[in-house]
C-alpha atoms as a PDB file:
ATOM      1  CA  MET A   1       0.000   0.000   0.000  1.00  0.00           C
ATOM      2  CA  THR A   2       1.355   3.439  -0.970  1.00  0.00           C
ATOM      3  CA  HIS A   3       1.906   5.788   1.940  1.00  0.00           C
ATOM      4  CA  ARG A   4      -0.285   8.876   1.703  1.00  0.00           C
ATOM      5  CA  TRP A   5       2.010  11.637   2.895  1.00  0.00           C
ATOM      6  CA  ALA A   6       0.765  15.000   4.053  1.00  0.00           C
ATOM      7  CA  GLN A   7       1.624  17.977   1.891  1.00  0.00           C
ATOM      8  CA  VAL A   8       5.185  19.243   2.332  1.00  0.00           C
ATOM      9  CA  THR A   9       5.237  22.536   4.233  1.00  0.00           C
ATOM     10  CA  LYS A  10       8.617  22.297   5.998  1.00  0.00           C
ATOM     11  CA  ALA A  11      11.981  23.175   4.488  1.00  0.00           C
ATOM     12  CA  VAL A  12      15.496  22.516   5.762  1.00  0.00           C
ATOM     13  CA  VAL A  13      18.086  25.047   4.606  1.00  0.00           C
ATOM     14  CA  LEU A  14      21.736  24.000   4.861  1.00  0.00           C
ATOM     15  CA  ALA A  15      23.669  27.068   6.040  1.00  0.00           C
ATOM     16  CA  ARG A  16      26.556  25.418   7.938  1.00  0.00           C
ATOM     17  CA  GLY A  17      29.212  25.473   5.189  1.00  0.00           C
ATOM     18  CA  LEU A  18      32.614  26.973   5.860  1.00  0.00           C
ATOM     19  CA  GLY A  19      32.479  29.201   2.772  1.00  0.00           C
ATOM     20  CA  THR A  20      36.093  28.387   1.887  1.00  0.00           C
ATOM     21  CA  ARG A  21      35.830  29.619  -1.699  1.00  0.00           C
ATOM     22  CA  MET A  22      33.948  32.751  -0.635  1.00  0.00           C
ATOM     23  CA  ARG A  23      36.724  33.662   1.822  1.00  0.00           C
ATOM     24  CA  ARG A  24      39.358  33.737  -0.932  1.00  0.00           C
ATOM     25  CA  GLU A  25      40.387  37.194  -2.068  1.00  0.00           C
ATOM     26  CA  ASP A  26      39.433  38.059  -5.644  1.00  0.00           C
ATOM     27  CA  PRO A  27      40.933  41.328  -6.924  1.00  0.00           C
ATOM     28  CA  GLY A  28      38.486  41.298  -9.837  1.00  0.00           C
ATOM     29  CA  ALA A  29      35.386  41.240  -7.623  1.00  0.00           C
ATOM     30  CA  ALA A  30      33.973  44.705  -6.940  1.00  0.00           C
ATOM     31  CA  LEU A  31      32.511  44.403  -3.435  1.00  0.00           C
ATOM     32  CA  ASP A  32      31.239  47.020  -1.072  1.00  0.00           C
ATOM     33  CA  GLU A  33      32.327  47.048   2.563  1.00  0.00           C
ATOM     34  CA  ALA A  34      29.403  44.979   3.840  1.00  0.00           C
ATOM     35  CA  GLN A  35      29.806  42.370   1.094  1.00  0.00           C
ATOM     36  CA  ARG A  36      33.532  42.098   1.746  1.00  0.00           C
ATOM     37  CA  ALA A  37      32.971  41.612   5.489  1.00  0.00           C
ATOM     38  CA  ALA A  38      30.384  38.847   4.927  1.00  0.00           C
ATOM     39  CA  ALA A  39      32.579  37.194   2.287  1.00  0.00           C
ATOM     40  CA  SER A  40      35.617  37.265   4.568  1.00  0.00           C
ATOM     41  CA  ALA A  41      33.560  35.580   7.286  1.00  0.00           C
ATOM     42  CA  GLY A  42      32.496  32.896   4.807  1.00  0.00           C
ATOM     43  CA  VAL A  43      28.813  33.365   5.681  1.00  0.00           C
ATOM     44  CA  LYS A  44      27.426  33.146   2.155  1.00  0.00           C
ATOM     45  CA  ALA A  45      23.780  33.236   3.252  1.00  0.00           C
ATOM     46  CA  MET A  46      24.285  36.721   4.714  1.00  0.00           C
ATOM     47  CA  ILE A  47      26.026  38.294   1.712  1.00  0.00           C
ATOM     48  CA  PRO A  48      24.058  41.524   1.193  1.00  0.00           C
ATOM     49  CA  ILE A  49      22.379  41.753  -2.216  1.00  0.00           C
ATOM     50  CA  GLY A  50      20.416  44.795  -1.170  1.00  0.00           C
ATOM     51  CA  ARG A  51      19.403  42.548   1.727  1.00  0.00           C
ATOM     52  CA  PRO A  52      20.855  39.184   2.892  1.00  0.00           C
ATOM     53  CA  PHE A  53      20.887  36.615   0.090  1.00  0.00           C
ATOM     54  CA  LEU A  54      19.098  34.133   2.351  1.00  0.00           C
ATOM     55  CA  ASP A  55      16.084  36.459   2.393  1.00  0.00           C
ATOM     56  CA  TYR A  56      15.639  35.761  -1.320  1.00  0.00           C
ATOM     57  CA  ALA A  57      16.018  32.004  -0.796  1.00  0.00           C
ATOM     58  CA  LEU A  58      13.434  32.002   2.018  1.00  0.00           C
ATOM     59  CA  SER A  59      11.119  34.164  -0.064  1.00  0.00           C
ATOM     60  CA  ALA A  60      11.280  31.580  -2.872  1.00  0.00           C
ATOM     61  CA  LEU A  61      10.350  28.844  -0.381  1.00  0.00           C
ATOM     62  CA  ALA A  62       7.392  30.922   0.808  1.00  0.00           C
ATOM     63  CA  ASP A  63       6.314  31.538  -2.796  1.00  0.00           C
ATOM     64  CA  ALA A  64       6.443  27.768  -3.349  1.00  0.00           C
ATOM     65  CA  GLY A  65       4.117  27.132  -0.396  1.00  0.00           C
ATOM     66  CA  CYS A  66       6.465  26.340   2.495  1.00  0.00           C
ATOM     67  CA  THR A  67       5.398  27.746   5.857  1.00  0.00           C
ATOM     68  CA  ASP A  68       8.294  26.637   8.088  1.00  0.00           C
ATOM     69  CA  ALA A  69      12.042  26.675   7.524  1.00  0.00           C
ATOM     70  CA  CYS A  70      14.826  25.228   9.651  1.00  0.00           C
ATOM     71  CA  LEU A  71      18.208  26.865   9.198  1.00  0.00           C
ATOM     72  CA  VAL A  72      21.055  24.446   9.879  1.00  0.00           C
ATOM     73  CA  ILE A  73      23.864  26.580  11.274  1.00  0.00           C
ATOM     74  CA  GLY A  74      27.035  26.216  13.312  1.00  0.00           C
ATOM     75  CA  PRO A  75      27.608  27.481  16.848  1.00  0.00           C
ATOM     76  CA  GLU A  76      29.616  30.369  15.391  1.00  0.00           C
ATOM     77  CA  HIS A  77      26.693  31.617  13.267  1.00  0.00           C
ATOM     78  CA  GLY A  78      25.148  33.911  15.843  1.00  0.00           C
ATOM     79  CA  GLU A  79      24.731  36.588  13.174  1.00  0.00           C
ATOM     80  CA  ILE A  80      22.242  34.422  11.282  1.00  0.00           C
ATOM     81  CA  ARG A  81      20.307  33.518  14.422  1.00  0.00           C
ATOM     82  CA  ASP A  82      20.216  37.113  15.641  1.00  0.00           C
ATOM     83  CA  TYR A  83      19.036  38.481  12.306  1.00  0.00           C
ATOM     84  CA  TYR A  84      16.186  35.991  11.795  1.00  0.00           C
ATOM     85  CA  THR A  85      14.945  36.263  15.367  1.00  0.00           C
ATOM     86  CA  GLY A  86      15.238  40.052  15.356  1.00  0.00           C
ATOM     87  CA  ARG A  87      14.968  42.729  12.709  1.00  0.00           C
ATOM     88  CA  GLY A  88      15.006  40.174   9.879  1.00  0.00           C
ATOM     89  CA  ARG A  89      12.258  37.938  11.275  1.00  0.00           C
ATOM     90  CA  PRO A  90      10.323  36.681   8.226  1.00  0.00           C
ATOM     91  CA  ARG A  91       6.688  37.547   7.701  1.00  0.00           C
ATOM     92  CA  ARG A  92       5.568  34.470   5.718  1.00  0.00           C
ATOM     93  CA  VAL A  93       7.861  31.704   6.984  1.00  0.00           C
ATOM     94  CA  ARG A  94       8.363  30.577  10.571  1.00  0.00           C
ATOM     95  CA  VAL A  95      12.078  30.086  11.156  1.00  0.00           C
ATOM     96  CA  ALA A  96      13.610  27.453  13.432  1.00  0.00           C
ATOM     97  CA  PHE A  97      17.255  26.531  13.925  1.00  0.00           C
ATOM     98  CA  ALA A  98      19.225  23.300  14.127  1.00  0.00           C
ATOM     99  CA  GLU A  99      22.858  23.380  15.161  1.00  0.00           C
ATOM    100  CA  GLN A 100      25.487  21.198  13.535  1.00  0.00           C
ATOM    101  CA  ALA A 101      28.313  21.343  16.058  1.00  0.00           C
ATOM    102  CA  LEU A 102      31.084  20.525  13.574  1.00  0.00           C
ATOM    103  CA  PRO A 103      31.155  20.731   9.755  1.00  0.00           C
ATOM    104  CA  ARG A 104      31.073  16.947   9.295  1.00  0.00           C
ATOM    105  CA  GLY A 105      29.260  16.916   5.946  1.00  0.00           C
ATOM    106  CA  THR A 106      25.843  17.323   4.388  1.00  0.00           C
ATOM    107  CA  ALA A 107      24.361  14.065   5.699  1.00  0.00           C
ATOM    108  CA  ASP A 108      25.274  15.088   9.236  1.00  0.00           C
ATOM    109  CA  ALA A 109      23.858  18.575   8.595  1.00  0.00           C
ATOM    110  CA  LEU A 110      20.511  17.167   7.485  1.00  0.00           C
ATOM    111  CA  LEU A 111      20.454  14.740  10.409  1.00  0.00           C
ATOM    112  CA  SER A 112      20.672  17.681  12.803  1.00  0.00           C
ATOM    113  CA  ALA A 113      17.220  18.764  11.563  1.00  0.00           C
ATOM    114  CA  GLU A 114      15.481  15.454  12.386  1.00  0.00           C
ATOM    115  CA  ALA A 115      13.649  16.914  15.385  1.00  0.00           C
ATOM    116  CA  PHE A 116      12.351  19.744  13.200  1.00  0.00           C
ATOM    117  CA  ALA A 117      11.010  17.235  10.655  1.00  0.00           C
ATOM    118  CA  ALA A 118       9.149  15.422  13.460  1.00  0.00           C
ATOM    119  CA  GLY A 119       8.134  12.529  11.196  1.00  0.00           C
ATOM    120  CA  ASP A 120       7.021  14.729   8.296  1.00  0.00           C
ATOM    121  CA  ARG A 121       8.481  15.011   4.830  1.00  0.00           C
ATOM    122  CA  VAL A 122      10.803  17.961   4.354  1.00  0.00           C
ATOM    123  CA  LEU A 123      12.077  19.924   1.398  1.00  0.00           C
ATOM    124  CA  MET A 124      15.848  20.527   1.578  1.00  0.00           C
ATOM    125  CA  VAL A 125      17.882  23.209  -0.207  1.00  0.00           C
ATOM    126  CA  ASN A 126      21.219  25.006   0.022  1.00  0.00           C
ATOM    127  CA  SER A 127      21.396  28.463   1.586  1.00  0.00           C
ATOM    128  CA  ASP A 128      23.731  29.738  -1.147  1.00  0.00           C
ATOM    129  CA  ASN A 129      21.375  28.916  -4.033  1.00  0.00           C
ATOM    130  CA  TYR A 130      18.280  30.715  -5.290  1.00  0.00           C
ATOM    131  CA  TYR A 131      15.893  28.197  -6.837  1.00  0.00           C
ATOM    132  CA  PRO A 132      12.908  29.117  -9.050  1.00  0.00           C
ATOM    133  CA  PRO A 133       9.770  29.114  -6.862  1.00  0.00           C
ATOM    134  CA  ALA A 134       7.834  27.215  -9.556  1.00  0.00           C
ATOM    135  CA  ALA A 135      10.413  24.414  -9.477  1.00  0.00           C
ATOM    136  CA  LEU A 136      10.232  24.213  -5.678  1.00  0.00           C
ATOM    137  CA  ALA A 137       6.424  24.092  -5.881  1.00  0.00           C
ATOM    138  CA  ALA A 138       6.656  21.208  -8.368  1.00  0.00           C
ATOM    139  CA  LEU A 139       9.053  19.411  -6.023  1.00  0.00           C
ATOM    140  CA  ARG A 140       6.606  19.805  -3.121  1.00  0.00           C
ATOM    141  CA  ALA A 141       3.994  18.053  -5.252  1.00  0.00           C
ATOM    142  CA  VAL A 142       5.869  14.733  -5.645  1.00  0.00           C
ATOM    143  CA  PRO A 143       4.094  11.859  -3.896  1.00  0.00           C
ATOM    144  CA  GLY A 144       7.005  10.638  -1.753  1.00  0.00           C
ATOM    145  CA  ALA A 145      10.689  11.524  -2.037  1.00  0.00           C
ATOM    146  CA  GLY A 146      12.129  13.440  -4.966  1.00  0.00           C
ATOM    147  CA  LEU A 147      14.630  15.917  -6.299  1.00  0.00           C
ATOM    148  CA  LEU A 148      15.005  18.552  -8.973  1.00  0.00           C
ATOM    149  CA  GLY A 149      16.963  17.603 -12.095  1.00  0.00           C
ATOM    150  CA  PHE A 150      18.070  20.593 -14.163  1.00  0.00           C
ATOM    151  CA  GLU A 151      18.627  20.568 -17.904  1.00  0.00           C
ATOM    152  CA  ARG A 152      22.215  21.617 -18.523  1.00  0.00           C
ATOM    153  CA  ASP A 153      21.543  24.048 -21.380  1.00  0.00           C
ATOM    154  CA  ALA A 154      18.872  25.897 -19.405  1.00  0.00           C
ATOM    155  CA  LEU A 155      21.047  25.926 -16.297  1.00  0.00           C
ATOM    156  CA  VAL A 156      23.839  27.650 -18.208  1.00  0.00           C
ATOM    157  CA  ARG A 157      21.492  29.997 -20.058  1.00  0.00           C
ATOM    158  CA  GLU A 158      19.468  31.152 -17.055  1.00  0.00           C
ATOM    159  CA  SER A 159      22.025  31.010 -14.236  1.00  0.00           C
ATOM    160  CA  ASN A 160      25.250  32.766 -13.338  1.00  0.00           C
ATOM    161  CA  VAL A 161      27.057  29.477 -14.017  1.00  0.00           C
ATOM    162  CA  GLU A 162      29.425  28.931 -16.924  1.00  0.00           C
ATOM    163  CA  PRO A 163      29.416  25.567 -18.807  1.00  0.00           C
ATOM    164  CA  GLU A 164      32.709  24.417 -17.303  1.00  0.00           C
ATOM    165  CA  ARG A 165      31.333  24.866 -13.788  1.00  0.00           C
ATOM    166  CA  VAL A 166      28.150  22.944 -14.541  1.00  0.00           C
ATOM    167  CA  LEU A 167      30.284  19.925 -15.452  1.00  0.00           C
ATOM    168  CA  LYS A 168      31.558  19.875 -11.850  1.00  0.00           C
ATOM    169  CA  TYR A 169      28.054  19.437 -10.416  1.00  0.00           C
ATOM    170  CA  ALA A 170      26.441  16.089  -9.695  1.00  0.00           C
ATOM    171  CA  LEU A 171      24.781  14.327 -12.618  1.00  0.00           C
ATOM    172  CA  LEU A 172      21.738  12.086 -12.381  1.00  0.00           C
ATOM    173  CA  SER A 173      21.124   8.661 -13.826  1.00  0.00           C
ATOM    174  CA  VAL A 174      17.345   8.374 -14.183  1.00  0.00           C
ATOM    175  CA  ARG A 175      15.328   5.198 -14.695  1.00  0.00           C
ATOM    176  CA  ALA A 176      12.710   4.866 -17.436  1.00  0.00           C
ATOM    177  CA  ASP A 177       9.980   5.397 -14.835  1.00  0.00           C
ATOM    178  CA  GLY A 178      11.417   8.816 -13.920  1.00  0.00           C
ATOM    179  CA  THR A 179      12.967   7.788 -10.609  1.00  0.00           C
ATOM    180  CA  LEU A 180      16.566   8.266  -9.566  1.00  0.00           C
ATOM    181  CA  GLU A 181      18.899   5.345 -10.229  1.00  0.00           C
ATOM    182  CA  ARG A 182      22.049   6.975  -8.915  1.00  0.00           C
ATOM    183  CA  ILE A 183      23.655  10.342  -8.357  1.00  0.00           C
ATOM    184  CA  VAL A 184      27.225  10.895  -9.525  1.00  0.00           C
ATOM    185  CA  GLU A 185      29.122  13.629  -7.694  1.00  0.00           C
ATOM    186  CA  LYS A 186      31.796  15.517  -9.633  1.00  0.00           C
ATOM    187  CA  PRO A 187      31.877  13.005 -12.516  1.00  0.00           C
ATOM    188  CA  ASP A 188      35.079  12.668 -14.521  1.00  0.00           C
ATOM    189  CA  GLU A 189      34.945  13.218 -18.272  1.00  0.00           C
ATOM    190  CA  ALA A 190      34.452   9.550 -19.120  1.00  0.00           C
ATOM    191  CA  THR A 191      31.594   9.152 -16.622  1.00  0.00           C
ATOM    192  CA  ALA A 192      29.890  12.324 -17.835  1.00  0.00           C
ATOM    193  CA  ARG A 193      30.179  11.082 -21.420  1.00  0.00           C
ATOM    194  CA  ALA A 194      28.683   7.719 -20.454  1.00  0.00           C
ATOM    195  CA  LEU A 195      25.721   9.415 -18.777  1.00  0.00           C
ATOM    196  CA  GLY A 196      25.068  11.364 -21.961  1.00  0.00           C
ATOM    197  CA  ALA A 197      24.783  14.982 -22.989  1.00  0.00           C
ATOM    198  CA  ASP A 198      21.172  15.095 -21.770  1.00  0.00           C
ATOM    199  CA  ALA A 199      21.963  13.934 -18.226  1.00  0.00           C
ATOM    200  CA  LEU A 200      20.214  16.121 -15.686  1.00  0.00           C
ATOM    201  CA  VAL A 201      22.131  18.110 -13.084  1.00  0.00           C
ATOM    202  CA  SER A 202      21.448  18.045  -9.349  1.00  0.00           C
ATOM    203  CA  MET A 203      21.561  21.372  -7.542  1.00  0.00           C
ATOM    204  CA  ASN A 204      20.830  19.779  -4.166  1.00  0.00           C
ATOM    205  CA  ALA A 205      17.095  20.468  -3.969  1.00  0.00           C
ATOM    206  CA  TRP A 206      15.244  17.484  -2.500  1.00  0.00           C
ATOM    207  CA  VAL A 207      12.105  16.282  -0.797  1.00  0.00           C
ATOM    208  CA  PHE A 208      12.842  13.590   1.781  1.00  0.00           C
ATOM    209  CA  THR A 209      10.670  11.209   3.743  1.00  0.00           C
ATOM    210  CA  PRO A 210      11.708  10.399   7.331  1.00  0.00           C
ATOM    211  CA  ALA A 211      13.629   7.370   5.986  1.00  0.00           C
ATOM    212  CA  ILE A 212      16.490   9.681   5.025  1.00  0.00           C
ATOM    213  CA  PHE A 213      17.432  10.246   8.652  1.00  0.00           C
ATOM    214  CA  GLU A 214      18.079   6.547   9.245  1.00  0.00           C
ATOM    215  CA  ALA A 215      20.069   6.502   6.013  1.00  0.00           C
ATOM    216  CA  CYS A 216      22.126   9.462   7.265  1.00  0.00           C
ATOM    217  CA  ARG A 217      22.906   7.553  10.458  1.00  0.00           C
ATOM    218  CA  ARG A 218      24.295   4.657   8.371  1.00  0.00           C
ATOM    219  CA  VAL A 219      26.667   6.810   6.307  1.00  0.00           C
ATOM    220  CA  ALA A 220      30.379   6.153   6.685  1.00  0.00           C
ATOM    221  CA  PRO A 221      32.944   8.932   6.153  1.00  0.00           C
ATOM    222  CA  SER A 222      33.864   9.496   2.525  1.00  0.00           C
ATOM    223  CA  ALA A 223      37.389   9.755   1.152  1.00  0.00           C
ATOM    224  CA  ARG A 224      37.202  13.429   2.150  1.00  0.00           C
ATOM    225  CA  GLY A 225      36.369  12.408   5.708  1.00  0.00           C
ATOM    226  CA  GLU A 226      32.818  13.752   5.485  1.00  0.00           C
ATOM    227  CA  LEU A 227      29.376  12.243   5.960  1.00  0.00           C
ATOM    228  CA  GLU A 228      27.910  13.028   2.561  1.00  0.00           C
ATOM    229  CA  LEU A 229      24.285  13.302   1.531  1.00  0.00           C
ATOM    230  CA  GLN A 230      24.700  11.449  -1.758  1.00  0.00           C
ATOM    231  CA  ASP A 231      25.859   8.413   0.245  1.00  0.00           C
ATOM    232  CA  ALA A 232      22.731   8.626   2.394  1.00  0.00           C
ATOM    233  CA  VAL A 233      20.608   8.769  -0.773  1.00  0.00           C
ATOM    234  CA  ARG A 234      22.397   5.702  -2.144  1.00  0.00           C
ATOM    235  CA  ILE A 235      21.734   3.819   1.096  1.00  0.00           C
ATOM    236  CA  ALA A 236      18.087   4.892   1.028  1.00  0.00           C
ATOM    237  CA  ILE A 237      17.716   3.569  -2.537  1.00  0.00           C
ATOM    238  CA  ASP A 238      19.795   0.385  -2.323  1.00  0.00           C
ATOM    239  CA  ASP A 239      19.144  -0.773   1.243  1.00  0.00           C
ATOM    240  CA  MET A 240      15.835   0.787   2.209  1.00  0.00           C
ATOM    241  CA  GLY A 241      13.840   0.647  -1.020  1.00  0.00           C
ATOM    242  CA  GLU A 242      13.274   4.391  -1.219  1.00  0.00           C
ATOM    243  CA  ARG A 243      12.333   5.825  -4.616  1.00  0.00           C
ATOM    244  CA  PHE A 244      13.072   9.418  -5.611  1.00  0.00           C
ATOM    245  CA  THR A 245      10.965  11.056  -8.305  1.00  0.00           C
ATOM    246  CA  VAL A 246      13.108  13.273 -10.535  1.00  0.00           C
ATOM    247  CA  VAL A 247      11.363  16.552 -11.411  1.00  0.00           C
ATOM    248  CA  ARG A 248      12.816  17.777 -14.704  1.00  0.00           C
ATOM    249  CA  VAL A 249      13.426  21.536 -14.736  1.00  0.00           C
ATOM    250  CA  ALA A 250      14.316  23.779 -17.680  1.00  0.00           C
ATOM    251  CA  ALA A 251      15.388  26.796 -15.648  1.00  0.00           C
ATOM    252  CA  GLY A 252      18.356  28.269 -13.844  1.00  0.00           C
ATOM    253  CA  VAL A 253      19.629  28.408 -10.270  1.00  0.00           C
ATOM    254  CA  LEU A 254      21.647  31.304  -8.897  1.00  0.00           C
ATOM    255  CA  ASP A 255      24.786  30.012  -7.199  1.00  0.00           C
ATOM    256  CA  LEU A 256      26.608  32.179  -4.659  1.00  0.00           C
ATOM    257  CA  SER A 257      29.833  30.221  -4.191  1.00  0.00           C
ATOM    258  CA  SER A 258      32.627  32.746  -4.633  1.00  0.00           C
ATOM    259  CA  ARG A 259      33.191  36.496  -4.635  1.00  0.00           C
ATOM    260  CA  SER A 260      33.037  36.603  -8.418  1.00  0.00           C
ATOM    261  CA  ASP A 261      29.401  35.415  -8.206  1.00  0.00           C
ATOM    262  CA  ILE A 262      28.137  38.333  -6.123  1.00  0.00           C
ATOM    263  CA  GLU A 263      27.727  40.949  -8.845  1.00  0.00           C
ATOM    264  CA  ALA A 264      26.239  38.462 -11.339  1.00  0.00           C
ATOM    265  CA  VAL A 265      23.728  37.291  -8.737  1.00  0.00           C
ATOM    266  CA  ARG A 266      22.876  40.890  -7.855  1.00  0.00           C
ATOM    267  CA  ARG A 267      22.101  41.661 -11.510  1.00  0.00           C
ATOM    268  CA  ARG A 268      19.896  38.599 -11.919  1.00  0.00           C
ATOM    269  CA  LEU A 269      17.987  39.332  -8.710  1.00  0.00           C
ATOM    270  CA  ALA A 270      17.286  42.918  -9.762  1.00  0.00           C
ATOM    271  CA  GLY A 271      13.541  43.295  -9.768  1.00  0.00           C
ATOM    272  CA  VAL A 272      12.980  40.214  -7.591  1.00  0.00           C
ATOM    273  CA  GLU A 273      11.215  41.135  -4.365  1.00  0.00           C
ATOM    274  CA  ALA A 274      12.461  39.352  -1.251  1.00  0.00           C
ATOM    275  CA  ASP A 275       9.517  38.925   1.113  1.00  0.00           C
ATOM    276  CA  PRO A 276      10.116  35.903   3.294  1.00  0.00           C
END
């Protein structure tokens, strides 16, 4: 019997990253004083694009129909907590916090939000990406677990991401029934060629059932010494029988990874109202 899940209204936003690339000096990046301070701290979510970038991300979640968001932060991220419980308290989204004590990887980050999920399905996104609200709404509509799969040409055309950078993102192998077979992180040239020119790209936007938390607990450290989300997804598929519906998207995602991204993201967000 198919489980009849309640509609997804909760979102987990991963904001614990160290921002290593953002911290690097870039003489070619024209930043104002506030942007430079946030970049030097590595807190990508708080980079001011008129207002903190995370405001735009939360606004997109609200536009898509989410009513609650859990920000996964580190103990050093008091600035984020203070802003969203004070002058930046959102109007349309209730904000909660989960603390990941150490940056041990994305699976560990998601696991820290298990209490927030409280047995419900959750949508999960990165704090340094701006996803199209329509795509997030389509993801909320999947019947169980799922993820967004972006067409490469559209991702390049409608994002601030050059083709060479897209090739470094995870690619998806999708079954004939539209479910995820496997996710390939940072594929080498031969693997990317084998997956085909039409292989969809993952930008780390998911809907998870509570099964993902058990899968996260089973993850072993990767070669990088991290507990990685793609390994939890593999465990969920191979060992737990979970099926992930791939939602095909012909649109872009704004990616705020380094200082050189800030101005391009600012231009593309011009005219977008942030009202979380």
